N, C-alpha and C. Protein backbone atom coordinates (compact mmCIF):
# COMPACT_ATOMS: atom_id res chain seq x y z
N MET A 1 10.54 -136.07 33.74
CA MET A 1 11.56 -135.50 32.72
C MET A 1 11.42 -133.95 32.67
N LYS A 2 10.74 -133.14 33.14
CA LYS A 2 10.37 -131.51 33.06
C LYS A 2 11.09 -131.24 34.67
N GLN A 3 11.38 -131.78 35.27
CA GLN A 3 12.47 -131.52 36.00
C GLN A 3 14.03 -132.05 35.95
N GLN A 4 13.95 -132.96 35.25
CA GLN A 4 15.89 -132.89 34.77
C GLN A 4 16.02 -131.87 33.89
N GLU A 5 14.76 -131.76 33.09
CA GLU A 5 15.17 -130.11 31.81
C GLU A 5 15.27 -129.36 32.75
N LYS A 6 14.34 -128.68 33.48
CA LYS A 6 14.65 -128.13 34.62
C LYS A 6 16.21 -127.86 35.20
N GLY A 7 16.46 -128.98 35.96
CA GLY A 7 17.50 -129.26 36.34
C GLY A 7 18.27 -128.92 35.83
N LYS A 8 18.46 -129.22 34.08
CA LYS A 8 19.87 -128.92 33.43
C LYS A 8 20.50 -127.73 32.98
N ARG A 9 18.69 -126.50 32.66
CA ARG A 9 18.49 -125.27 32.36
C ARG A 9 19.76 -125.11 34.07
N SER A 10 19.36 -125.25 35.04
CA SER A 10 19.82 -123.99 36.14
C SER A 10 21.18 -124.62 35.81
N ILE A 11 21.78 -125.76 35.50
CA ILE A 11 23.56 -125.99 35.65
C ILE A 11 23.87 -124.91 34.61
N ALA A 12 23.20 -125.19 33.34
CA ALA A 12 23.82 -124.52 32.10
C ALA A 12 23.80 -122.97 32.40
N LEU A 13 22.66 -122.71 32.87
CA LEU A 13 23.24 -120.78 33.22
C LEU A 13 24.30 -120.39 33.80
N PRO A 14 24.26 -121.13 35.28
CA PRO A 14 25.87 -120.56 35.52
C PRO A 14 27.17 -120.75 35.06
N VAL A 15 27.23 -121.86 34.72
CA VAL A 15 28.23 -122.55 33.79
C VAL A 15 28.53 -121.47 32.37
N THR A 16 27.43 -120.95 31.64
CA THR A 16 27.71 -120.23 31.09
C THR A 16 28.34 -118.35 31.46
N LEU A 17 27.67 -118.58 32.11
CA LEU A 17 27.85 -117.17 33.12
C LEU A 17 29.44 -117.21 33.49
N ILE A 18 29.80 -118.12 33.93
CA ILE A 18 31.28 -118.13 33.98
C ILE A 18 32.10 -118.69 33.12
N LEU A 19 31.59 -119.13 31.85
CA LEU A 19 32.66 -119.30 30.45
C LEU A 19 32.91 -117.69 30.15
N LEU A 20 31.48 -116.71 30.53
CA LEU A 20 31.65 -115.85 29.66
C LEU A 20 32.56 -114.90 30.73
N VAL A 21 32.44 -114.76 32.05
CA VAL A 21 33.58 -114.11 32.72
C VAL A 21 34.35 -114.42 32.68
N MET A 22 34.93 -115.77 32.37
CA MET A 22 36.35 -116.23 31.96
C MET A 22 37.13 -115.58 30.84
N SER A 23 35.77 -115.31 29.61
CA SER A 23 36.33 -114.81 28.51
C SER A 23 36.46 -113.51 28.17
N LEU A 24 35.54 -112.50 29.05
CA LEU A 24 35.73 -111.34 29.50
C LEU A 24 37.28 -110.91 30.23
N MET A 25 37.42 -111.96 31.00
CA MET A 25 38.68 -111.79 31.87
C MET A 25 39.66 -111.89 31.19
N GLY A 26 40.00 -112.64 30.03
CA GLY A 26 41.07 -112.81 28.93
C GLY A 26 41.08 -111.92 28.26
N ASN A 27 39.97 -111.66 27.38
CA ASN A 27 40.13 -110.33 26.60
C ASN A 27 40.73 -108.78 27.27
N VAL A 28 40.00 -108.80 27.97
CA VAL A 28 40.87 -107.97 29.11
C VAL A 28 42.29 -107.86 29.36
N LEU A 29 42.72 -108.76 29.91
CA LEU A 29 44.33 -109.62 29.78
C LEU A 29 45.17 -108.92 28.60
N LEU A 30 44.40 -109.61 27.82
CA LEU A 30 45.19 -109.83 26.22
C LEU A 30 44.69 -107.73 25.94
N LEU A 31 44.17 -107.04 26.53
CA LEU A 31 44.12 -105.81 26.25
C LEU A 31 45.01 -104.75 27.07
N THR A 32 44.90 -105.42 28.08
CA THR A 32 46.21 -104.89 28.61
C THR A 32 47.54 -105.26 28.68
N LYS A 33 47.77 -106.69 28.41
CA LYS A 33 49.23 -106.44 27.09
C LYS A 33 49.54 -106.02 25.99
N ASN A 34 48.24 -105.86 25.65
CA ASN A 34 48.41 -105.02 24.43
C ASN A 34 48.99 -103.89 24.12
N ILE A 35 48.26 -103.23 25.54
CA ILE A 35 48.58 -101.76 25.70
C ILE A 35 49.80 -101.55 26.20
N ASN A 36 49.84 -102.20 26.94
CA ASN A 36 51.33 -102.37 27.65
C ASN A 36 52.57 -102.56 26.78
N ILE A 37 52.41 -102.79 25.63
CA ILE A 37 53.82 -102.77 24.49
C ILE A 37 53.89 -101.91 24.18
N ASN A 38 52.79 -101.10 23.21
CA ASN A 38 51.86 -100.25 22.63
C ASN A 38 53.07 -99.29 23.56
N GLN A 39 53.04 -99.18 25.00
CA GLN A 39 53.33 -98.02 25.46
C GLN A 39 54.99 -98.38 25.65
N THR A 40 55.36 -99.41 25.46
CA THR A 40 56.44 -99.66 25.68
C THR A 40 57.83 -99.36 24.23
N ASN A 41 57.31 -99.90 23.39
CA ASN A 41 57.29 -99.40 22.05
C ASN A 41 57.37 -97.47 21.67
N ALA A 42 56.30 -97.30 22.03
CA ALA A 42 56.46 -95.38 22.38
C ALA A 42 57.44 -95.00 22.85
N VAL A 43 57.60 -95.69 23.93
CA VAL A 43 58.52 -94.78 24.96
C VAL A 43 59.99 -95.47 24.42
N GLU A 44 60.00 -96.15 24.01
CA GLU A 44 61.43 -96.49 23.18
C GLU A 44 61.82 -95.48 21.77
N GLU A 45 60.97 -95.40 21.12
CA GLU A 45 60.43 -94.29 19.94
C GLU A 45 60.96 -93.47 20.38
N GLY A 46 60.43 -92.69 21.38
CA GLY A 46 60.65 -91.65 21.85
C GLY A 46 61.92 -91.51 22.19
N GLY A 47 62.41 -92.38 23.06
CA GLY A 47 63.85 -92.24 23.56
C GLY A 47 64.42 -92.08 22.57
N VAL A 48 64.30 -92.84 21.02
CA VAL A 48 65.17 -93.01 20.17
C VAL A 48 65.28 -91.12 19.43
N ILE A 49 64.17 -90.48 19.42
CA ILE A 49 63.69 -89.37 18.64
C ILE A 49 64.48 -88.53 19.48
N LEU A 50 64.61 -88.53 20.66
CA LEU A 50 65.53 -87.53 21.94
C LEU A 50 66.78 -88.04 21.67
N ASP A 51 67.30 -89.09 21.51
CA ASP A 51 68.43 -89.18 21.07
C ASP A 51 69.20 -88.51 20.25
N ARG A 52 68.23 -88.77 18.95
CA ARG A 52 68.72 -88.06 17.83
C ARG A 52 69.00 -87.07 17.25
N ALA A 53 67.55 -86.28 18.15
CA ALA A 53 67.48 -84.60 18.10
C ALA A 53 69.22 -84.79 19.22
N LYS A 54 69.46 -84.87 20.00
CA LYS A 54 70.51 -84.76 21.20
C LYS A 54 71.91 -84.33 20.33
N ARG A 55 72.19 -85.68 19.79
CA ARG A 55 73.29 -85.79 19.18
C ARG A 55 73.48 -84.83 17.65
N SER A 56 72.31 -84.66 16.89
CA SER A 56 72.11 -83.61 16.32
C SER A 56 72.58 -82.19 16.27
N LEU A 57 71.97 -81.81 17.64
CA LEU A 57 72.46 -80.41 18.42
C LEU A 57 74.11 -80.06 18.57
N GLU A 58 74.28 -81.51 19.42
CA GLU A 58 76.10 -81.39 19.49
C GLU A 58 76.48 -81.63 18.57
N LEU A 59 76.38 -82.43 17.15
CA LEU A 59 76.78 -81.87 16.23
C LEU A 59 76.91 -80.83 15.49
N ALA A 60 76.41 -79.93 15.43
CA ALA A 60 75.55 -78.49 14.60
C ALA A 60 76.72 -77.64 15.27
N GLN A 61 76.81 -78.13 17.06
CA GLN A 61 77.57 -77.19 17.48
C GLN A 61 78.86 -77.45 17.78
N TYR A 62 79.08 -78.97 17.43
CA TYR A 62 80.67 -79.31 17.20
C TYR A 62 81.13 -78.88 15.92
N MET A 63 80.82 -78.71 14.78
CA MET A 63 80.84 -78.25 13.51
C MET A 63 81.02 -76.81 13.29
N GLU A 64 79.85 -76.15 14.01
CA GLU A 64 79.79 -74.59 14.03
C GLU A 64 81.83 -74.27 14.67
N GLY A 65 82.04 -75.32 15.66
CA GLY A 65 83.38 -74.78 16.35
C GLY A 65 84.62 -74.84 15.21
N GLN A 66 84.09 -76.29 14.84
CA GLN A 66 85.42 -76.15 13.70
C GLN A 66 86.02 -75.23 12.56
N MET A 67 84.06 -74.82 12.12
CA MET A 67 84.33 -74.02 11.55
C MET A 67 85.38 -72.52 11.94
N MET A 68 84.78 -71.96 13.24
CA MET A 68 85.54 -71.33 13.50
C MET A 68 87.33 -71.33 13.84
N GLU A 69 87.64 -72.83 14.01
CA GLU A 69 89.26 -73.00 13.98
C GLU A 69 89.73 -72.71 12.92
N VAL A 70 88.95 -73.62 11.88
CA VAL A 70 89.62 -73.21 9.95
C VAL A 70 89.77 -71.72 9.74
N ARG A 71 88.68 -70.82 10.32
CA ARG A 71 88.73 -69.64 10.09
C ARG A 71 90.14 -69.15 10.52
N GLU A 72 90.45 -69.03 11.64
CA GLU A 72 91.64 -68.35 13.08
C GLU A 72 92.74 -68.97 11.69
N LEU A 73 92.93 -70.59 11.68
CA LEU A 73 94.24 -70.32 11.07
C LEU A 73 94.47 -69.85 9.95
N SER A 74 95.49 -69.44 10.02
CA SER A 74 95.96 -68.73 8.41
C SER A 74 97.66 -69.22 8.08
N THR A 75 97.93 -70.08 7.50
CA THR A 75 99.78 -70.55 7.09
C THR A 75 99.49 -70.26 5.75
N SER A 76 100.88 -69.95 5.11
CA SER A 76 100.84 -70.15 4.05
C SER A 76 100.77 -70.71 3.05
N ASP A 77 100.62 -71.62 3.64
CA ASP A 77 101.23 -73.05 2.44
C ASP A 77 99.22 -73.77 2.39
N GLY A 78 98.82 -73.11 3.32
CA GLY A 78 97.19 -73.62 3.87
C GLY A 78 97.18 -75.12 4.25
N THR A 79 98.02 -75.75 4.47
CA THR A 79 98.06 -77.01 4.84
C THR A 79 97.16 -77.49 6.34
N ALA A 80 97.76 -76.63 7.34
CA ALA A 80 96.58 -76.94 8.54
C ALA A 80 95.06 -76.36 8.03
N GLU A 81 94.86 -75.48 7.47
CA GLU A 81 93.29 -75.20 7.43
C GLU A 81 92.71 -76.52 6.59
N ARG A 82 93.68 -76.71 5.28
CA ARG A 82 92.98 -78.07 4.74
C ARG A 82 93.04 -79.28 5.60
N LEU A 83 93.80 -79.64 6.65
CA LEU A 83 94.14 -80.85 7.57
C LEU A 83 92.07 -80.60 7.94
N ALA A 84 92.38 -79.63 8.53
CA ALA A 84 91.37 -78.95 9.63
C ALA A 84 89.94 -79.58 9.07
N ALA A 85 89.73 -79.30 7.90
CA ALA A 85 88.72 -79.21 6.98
C ALA A 85 88.75 -80.17 6.46
N ARG A 86 89.48 -81.40 6.48
CA ARG A 86 89.38 -82.65 6.15
C ARG A 86 88.82 -83.49 7.26
N TYR A 87 89.35 -83.16 8.73
CA TYR A 87 88.75 -83.78 9.93
C TYR A 87 87.17 -83.54 9.80
N ALA A 88 86.67 -81.98 9.78
CA ALA A 88 85.75 -81.69 10.20
C ALA A 88 84.55 -82.71 8.87
N ALA A 89 85.27 -82.66 7.93
CA ALA A 89 84.08 -83.51 6.68
C ALA A 89 84.01 -84.63 7.50
N SER A 90 84.92 -85.36 7.68
CA SER A 90 85.04 -86.79 8.13
C SER A 90 84.06 -86.90 9.65
N SER A 91 84.10 -85.99 10.41
CA SER A 91 83.08 -86.02 11.34
C SER A 91 81.76 -85.62 11.05
N LEU A 92 81.61 -84.95 10.52
CA LEU A 92 80.27 -84.65 9.49
C LEU A 92 79.78 -85.95 9.27
N GLN A 93 80.66 -86.76 8.38
CA GLN A 93 80.23 -87.76 7.79
C GLN A 93 79.63 -88.70 8.68
N ARG A 94 80.66 -88.93 10.00
CA ARG A 94 80.10 -90.04 11.31
C ARG A 94 78.49 -89.46 11.70
N GLY A 95 79.11 -88.56 11.83
CA GLY A 95 77.67 -87.88 12.96
C GLY A 95 76.71 -87.58 12.60
N GLY A 96 76.68 -86.90 10.63
CA GLY A 96 74.96 -86.74 10.02
C GLY A 96 74.01 -88.11 10.28
N SER A 97 74.11 -88.85 10.62
CA SER A 97 73.19 -89.88 10.35
C SER A 97 72.27 -89.58 11.18
N SER A 98 72.42 -88.88 12.30
CA SER A 98 71.55 -88.76 13.02
C SER A 98 70.59 -87.48 12.97
N LEU A 99 70.94 -87.00 12.03
CA LEU A 99 70.40 -85.56 11.61
C LEU A 99 69.21 -85.89 10.70
N LYS A 100 69.97 -86.90 9.81
CA LYS A 100 69.09 -87.48 8.60
C LYS A 100 67.82 -88.23 9.21
N GLU A 101 68.50 -89.24 10.19
CA GLU A 101 67.28 -89.90 10.68
C GLU A 101 66.21 -89.45 11.24
N LEU A 102 66.83 -88.07 11.75
CA LEU A 102 65.70 -87.35 12.92
C LEU A 102 64.62 -87.17 11.50
N MET A 103 65.29 -85.96 10.73
CA MET A 103 64.46 -85.50 9.71
C MET A 103 63.65 -86.46 8.74
N ALA A 104 64.28 -87.70 8.97
CA ALA A 104 63.15 -88.80 8.00
C ALA A 104 62.14 -89.31 9.01
N THR A 105 62.35 -89.20 10.12
CA THR A 105 61.02 -89.78 11.32
C THR A 105 60.41 -88.71 11.26
N ALA A 106 60.50 -87.20 11.53
CA ALA A 106 59.60 -86.23 11.60
C ALA A 106 58.27 -86.31 10.39
N GLU A 107 59.49 -86.52 9.06
CA GLU A 107 58.25 -86.11 7.64
C GLU A 107 58.06 -87.86 7.72
N LEU A 108 57.77 -88.92 8.46
CA LEU A 108 57.15 -89.79 8.16
C LEU A 108 55.71 -89.34 9.27
N GLN A 109 56.31 -89.23 10.21
CA GLN A 109 55.14 -88.70 11.09
C GLN A 109 54.15 -87.97 10.89
N ALA A 110 54.60 -86.87 10.28
CA ALA A 110 53.99 -85.46 10.21
C ALA A 110 52.98 -85.57 8.83
N ALA A 111 52.75 -86.37 8.15
CA ALA A 111 51.66 -87.08 7.08
C ALA A 111 51.98 -86.05 6.10
N GLY A 112 52.66 -85.49 5.38
CA GLY A 112 52.75 -84.26 4.52
C GLY A 112 53.35 -83.05 4.69
N ALA A 113 53.10 -82.76 6.21
CA ALA A 113 53.29 -81.94 6.79
C ALA A 113 54.52 -80.95 6.60
N LEU A 114 55.40 -82.19 6.67
CA LEU A 114 56.89 -81.68 6.91
C LEU A 114 57.68 -82.48 5.55
N GLU A 115 56.99 -82.66 4.31
CA GLU A 115 57.31 -83.29 3.04
C GLU A 115 58.73 -82.39 3.03
N GLY A 116 59.49 -83.62 2.52
CA GLY A 116 60.56 -83.50 1.84
C GLY A 116 61.70 -83.15 3.05
N ALA A 117 61.55 -83.80 4.26
CA ALA A 117 62.49 -83.15 5.17
C ALA A 117 63.84 -84.27 5.17
N GLY A 118 63.25 -85.31 4.94
CA GLY A 118 64.25 -86.15 4.64
C GLY A 118 65.38 -86.12 3.94
N ALA A 119 64.83 -85.28 2.72
CA ALA A 119 65.62 -85.23 1.35
C ALA A 119 66.66 -83.65 1.64
N ALA A 120 66.02 -82.87 2.77
CA ALA A 120 66.97 -82.17 2.96
C ALA A 120 67.97 -81.54 3.56
N ALA A 121 68.13 -82.88 4.60
CA ALA A 121 68.93 -82.94 5.68
C ALA A 121 69.58 -83.78 4.28
N GLU A 122 69.61 -85.23 3.70
CA GLU A 122 70.41 -85.27 2.67
C GLU A 122 71.25 -84.37 2.15
N ALA A 123 70.39 -83.70 1.65
CA ALA A 123 71.16 -82.33 0.27
C ALA A 123 71.79 -81.89 1.32
N TYR A 124 71.64 -81.12 2.21
CA TYR A 124 72.40 -80.90 3.47
C TYR A 124 73.65 -80.63 4.02
N VAL A 125 73.67 -82.06 4.63
CA VAL A 125 74.80 -83.08 4.96
C VAL A 125 75.85 -83.28 4.12
N ASP A 126 75.16 -83.97 2.90
CA ASP A 126 76.02 -84.44 1.64
C ASP A 126 76.58 -83.76 0.86
N SER A 127 75.74 -83.03 0.43
CA SER A 127 75.86 -82.07 -0.64
C SER A 127 76.76 -81.15 -0.55
N PHE A 128 75.43 -79.99 0.52
CA PHE A 128 76.52 -78.54 0.85
C PHE A 128 77.38 -78.69 1.72
N ALA A 129 77.15 -79.36 2.98
CA ALA A 129 78.46 -79.28 4.01
C ALA A 129 79.32 -80.27 3.14
N TYR A 130 79.23 -81.80 3.01
CA TYR A 130 80.18 -82.49 3.64
C TYR A 130 81.02 -82.36 2.03
N GLU A 131 80.35 -82.40 0.78
CA GLU A 131 81.42 -82.09 -0.37
C GLU A 131 82.24 -80.72 -0.37
N ARG A 132 81.42 -79.76 0.15
CA ARG A 132 82.51 -78.55 0.02
C ARG A 132 83.76 -78.54 1.25
N LEU A 133 83.41 -79.20 2.15
CA LEU A 133 84.64 -79.37 3.17
C LEU A 133 85.20 -80.38 2.95
N THR A 134 85.43 -81.54 1.80
CA THR A 134 85.69 -82.03 1.45
C THR A 134 87.18 -81.75 0.43
N GLY A 135 85.86 -81.00 -1.28
CA GLY A 135 86.59 -80.11 -1.65
C GLY A 135 87.84 -79.47 -1.06
N ILE A 136 88.03 -78.78 0.00
CA ILE A 136 88.78 -78.05 0.81
C ILE A 136 89.79 -78.62 1.04
N GLY A 137 89.46 -79.75 1.87
CA GLY A 137 90.19 -80.34 1.61
C GLY A 137 91.25 -81.18 1.60
N ASN A 138 90.94 -81.50 0.06
CA ASN A 138 91.65 -81.74 -0.50
C ASN A 138 92.08 -80.93 -1.56
N GLY A 139 92.45 -79.78 -1.67
CA GLY A 139 92.55 -78.40 -2.26
C GLY A 139 94.55 -78.66 -2.02
N ALA A 140 94.95 -77.59 -2.93
CA ALA A 140 96.59 -77.39 -2.37
C ALA A 140 96.72 -76.19 -2.11
N GLY A 141 97.51 -75.22 -1.44
CA GLY A 141 98.13 -73.74 -1.50
C GLY A 141 97.22 -73.03 -0.45
N ALA A 142 97.27 -72.06 -0.50
CA ALA A 142 96.75 -71.51 1.04
C ALA A 142 94.96 -71.15 0.08
N LEU A 143 94.33 -71.00 1.59
CA LEU A 143 92.75 -70.57 0.96
C LEU A 143 92.43 -69.73 0.33
N ASP A 144 91.95 -69.43 -0.93
CA ASP A 144 91.44 -68.99 -1.67
C ASP A 144 90.59 -67.76 -0.43
N ASP A 145 90.04 -66.49 -1.43
CA ASP A 145 88.86 -66.28 -1.00
C ASP A 145 87.69 -66.50 -0.94
N SER A 146 87.54 -67.55 -2.34
CA SER A 146 86.08 -67.87 -2.32
C SER A 146 86.16 -69.21 -1.34
N GLU A 147 86.93 -69.98 -1.18
CA GLU A 147 87.11 -71.28 -0.31
C GLU A 147 86.76 -70.33 1.44
N ARG A 148 87.52 -69.46 1.59
CA ARG A 148 87.26 -69.31 3.39
C ARG A 148 85.85 -68.01 3.46
N LYS A 149 85.17 -68.24 2.26
CA LYS A 149 84.03 -67.45 2.53
C LYS A 149 83.25 -68.75 2.56
N THR A 150 83.39 -69.88 1.99
CA THR A 150 82.82 -70.98 2.43
C THR A 150 82.61 -71.27 3.57
N ILE A 151 83.85 -71.56 4.44
CA ILE A 151 83.92 -71.89 5.29
C ILE A 151 83.23 -71.13 6.19
N GLU A 152 83.31 -69.77 6.07
CA GLU A 152 82.36 -68.51 6.82
C GLU A 152 80.84 -69.15 6.62
N GLN A 153 80.60 -69.60 5.77
CA GLN A 153 79.01 -69.57 4.97
C GLN A 153 78.63 -70.97 5.91
N LEU A 154 79.48 -72.21 5.90
CA LEU A 154 79.55 -73.04 6.80
C LEU A 154 79.52 -72.58 8.23
N GLN A 155 79.70 -72.30 8.67
CA GLN A 155 80.21 -71.65 10.56
C GLN A 155 78.79 -71.47 10.20
N GLN A 156 78.22 -70.66 9.70
CA GLN A 156 76.72 -69.61 9.52
C GLN A 156 75.98 -70.64 9.71
N SER A 157 75.60 -71.14 8.60
CA SER A 157 74.89 -72.23 8.60
C SER A 157 74.61 -73.71 9.93
N PHE A 158 75.42 -73.95 10.19
CA PHE A 158 76.29 -74.84 11.67
C PHE A 158 74.99 -74.00 12.74
N SER A 159 75.48 -72.78 12.82
CA SER A 159 74.71 -71.79 14.07
C SER A 159 73.57 -71.92 14.42
N GLU A 160 73.13 -71.15 12.51
CA GLU A 160 71.42 -71.12 12.80
C GLU A 160 70.82 -72.77 12.47
N LEU A 161 71.23 -73.80 12.26
CA LEU A 161 71.27 -75.69 12.82
C LEU A 161 70.81 -75.68 13.88
N ALA A 162 72.32 -75.24 14.70
CA ALA A 162 71.98 -75.18 16.29
C ALA A 162 70.85 -74.40 16.80
N GLY A 163 70.63 -73.00 16.38
CA GLY A 163 69.76 -72.86 17.46
C GLY A 163 68.60 -73.08 16.95
N ALA A 164 68.11 -73.70 15.70
CA ALA A 164 66.77 -74.64 14.87
C ALA A 164 66.78 -75.55 16.30
N LEU A 165 67.76 -76.50 16.22
CA LEU A 165 67.75 -77.36 17.64
C LEU A 165 67.78 -77.53 19.04
N SER A 166 68.20 -76.36 19.25
CA SER A 166 68.05 -76.11 20.72
C SER A 166 66.86 -75.74 20.93
N ALA A 167 66.14 -75.89 20.28
CA ALA A 167 64.14 -75.66 20.53
C ALA A 167 63.83 -76.69 20.67
N PHE A 168 64.47 -77.63 20.75
CA PHE A 168 63.99 -79.43 21.03
C PHE A 168 63.83 -78.78 22.21
N SER A 169 62.78 -79.71 23.55
CA SER A 169 62.01 -79.57 24.33
C SER A 169 63.23 -81.20 24.75
N PHE A 170 64.59 -80.75 25.65
CA PHE A 170 65.14 -81.97 26.35
C PHE A 170 64.70 -82.12 28.14
N ALA A 171 64.06 -81.57 28.57
CA ALA A 171 63.76 -81.39 30.07
C ALA A 171 63.12 -82.72 30.61
N GLY A 172 62.24 -83.20 29.29
CA GLY A 172 61.23 -84.43 29.57
C GLY A 172 62.27 -85.60 29.70
N GLU A 173 63.46 -85.85 29.11
CA GLU A 173 64.07 -87.05 29.30
C GLU A 173 63.78 -88.20 30.51
N GLY A 174 63.73 -88.99 30.57
CA GLY A 174 63.38 -90.12 31.56
C GLY A 174 61.97 -90.40 31.76
N ASN A 175 61.63 -89.43 30.92
CA ASN A 175 59.70 -89.05 31.63
C ASN A 175 59.49 -89.86 30.48
N LYS A 176 58.23 -91.37 31.01
CA LYS A 176 57.64 -91.95 30.10
C LYS A 176 56.68 -91.50 29.38
N SER A 177 55.74 -90.24 29.88
CA SER A 177 54.47 -89.98 28.86
C SER A 177 55.06 -88.75 28.18
N PHE A 178 56.51 -87.97 28.52
CA PHE A 178 57.01 -87.07 27.63
C PHE A 178 57.92 -88.29 26.19
N MET A 179 58.25 -89.11 26.64
CA MET A 179 58.78 -90.18 25.40
C MET A 179 57.43 -90.41 24.33
N ILE A 180 56.59 -90.98 25.38
CA ILE A 180 55.12 -91.25 24.17
C ILE A 180 54.54 -90.04 23.62
N ARG A 181 54.60 -88.73 23.83
CA ARG A 181 54.01 -88.16 23.18
C ARG A 181 55.16 -87.82 22.09
N LEU A 182 56.40 -87.70 22.14
CA LEU A 182 57.19 -87.51 21.22
C LEU A 182 56.98 -88.77 19.80
N SER A 183 56.51 -90.05 20.47
CA SER A 183 56.60 -90.77 19.74
C SER A 183 55.38 -90.58 18.83
N ALA A 184 54.26 -90.26 18.96
CA ALA A 184 53.39 -89.57 18.66
C ALA A 184 53.81 -88.29 17.61
N GLY A 185 54.89 -87.43 17.78
CA GLY A 185 54.69 -85.87 17.29
C GLY A 185 54.90 -85.06 17.95
N HIS A 186 54.24 -85.19 19.50
CA HIS A 186 53.87 -84.04 19.84
C HIS A 186 55.24 -83.29 20.65
N GLY A 187 55.02 -81.75 20.26
CA GLY A 187 55.73 -81.10 20.39
C GLY A 187 57.41 -81.01 20.21
N TRP A 188 57.53 -81.49 18.81
CA TRP A 188 58.72 -81.24 18.41
C TRP A 188 59.00 -81.44 16.56
N HIS A 189 57.50 -81.69 16.03
CA HIS A 189 57.48 -80.95 14.78
C HIS A 189 57.59 -79.63 14.20
N GLU A 190 56.87 -78.92 15.14
CA GLU A 190 57.54 -77.05 14.93
C GLU A 190 58.98 -76.97 14.83
N VAL A 191 59.78 -77.64 15.68
CA VAL A 191 61.09 -77.66 15.63
C VAL A 191 62.39 -77.90 14.27
N ALA A 192 61.18 -79.15 13.88
CA ALA A 192 61.54 -80.03 12.80
C ALA A 192 61.44 -79.27 11.82
N GLY A 193 60.52 -78.73 11.51
CA GLY A 193 59.80 -77.18 10.72
C GLY A 193 61.10 -76.25 10.15
N SER A 194 61.53 -75.69 11.68
CA SER A 194 62.55 -74.88 11.56
C SER A 194 63.79 -75.22 11.09
N VAL A 195 64.54 -76.37 11.84
CA VAL A 195 65.56 -77.02 10.99
C VAL A 195 65.13 -77.49 9.37
N GLN A 196 64.10 -77.61 9.01
CA GLN A 196 63.98 -78.29 7.53
C GLN A 196 64.21 -76.69 6.94
N ALA A 197 63.56 -75.93 7.44
CA ALA A 197 63.84 -74.55 6.61
C ALA A 197 65.74 -73.83 6.78
N VAL A 198 66.22 -74.41 7.84
CA VAL A 198 67.75 -73.92 7.75
C VAL A 198 68.66 -74.46 6.44
N MET A 199 67.78 -75.58 6.88
CA MET A 199 68.87 -76.56 6.13
C MET A 199 68.41 -76.50 4.41
N ARG A 200 67.43 -76.36 4.24
CA ARG A 200 66.54 -75.64 2.50
C ARG A 200 67.54 -74.78 2.01
N GLN A 201 67.62 -73.60 2.97
CA GLN A 201 68.15 -72.55 2.30
C GLN A 201 68.99 -72.29 1.74
N TYR A 202 70.32 -73.35 3.21
CA TYR A 202 71.87 -73.31 2.72
C TYR A 202 71.63 -74.63 1.51
N ALA A 203 71.01 -75.48 0.90
CA ALA A 203 71.19 -76.37 0.69
C ALA A 203 71.39 -75.91 -0.89
N SER A 204 70.22 -75.10 -0.71
CA SER A 204 69.32 -74.30 -2.62
C SER A 204 70.70 -74.35 -3.43
N ASN A 205 70.49 -74.33 -4.40
CA ASN A 205 71.89 -73.61 -5.25
C ASN A 205 72.05 -72.35 -5.71
N ASP A 206 70.64 -71.59 -5.61
CA ASP A 206 71.21 -70.52 -5.46
C ASP A 206 72.09 -69.48 -4.03
N HIS A 207 72.43 -69.93 -3.30
CA HIS A 207 72.75 -69.29 -2.18
C HIS A 207 74.25 -68.84 -2.17
N GLY A 208 74.30 -69.15 -3.31
CA GLY A 208 75.91 -67.99 -3.24
C GLY A 208 76.87 -69.01 -3.07
N LEU A 209 77.09 -70.16 -2.50
CA LEU A 209 78.11 -70.65 -2.31
C LEU A 209 79.72 -71.29 -3.68
N ILE A 210 80.25 -71.63 -3.67
CA ILE A 210 81.48 -72.37 -4.51
C ILE A 210 80.80 -73.86 -4.62
N ALA A 211 80.40 -74.15 -5.74
CA ALA A 211 80.59 -75.55 -6.34
C ALA A 211 81.16 -76.17 -5.77
């Protein structure tokens, strides 16, 4: 009887060890899979952030050029200027979502450090720029001095916005480690803070622009 019990114990031990090793291997495989999934998600998120930053910079540069073109036009009835303003407003409406989404992501990641960044982007794109361009575009007659001043200030705001966005590092595009860092908020929240400051400055009610 004792020999049988001893034999059972001698068999149970290696079986237990085998099961334990198999369990550990399963846990390691599961952990590795989760890490790979998390890394893939982080790379994708970083890519989205980079794409939105690039599109935002391109939009700011484009809008600056559009404002310059409007300022250079000088027709007696203002038709060309107002048509150009309406076209610029339409371009801003189509492209402004990238800037809004970029700043909303920055605010979410920064956990209080960039509070109001999303709202600042909404106010800048929709209230400050789009509404003023639409108002000028839907007006009649030659542009008056107030409208021309608004176009000039819009151009200045887009120039400053492009300057702030150009500090974003685009050199790491395609690099997985860089994308993961972006997804974690490293290396671009400072840029977002500068962008937010520009937008807040121009979207504020006391900036001296026409309503």
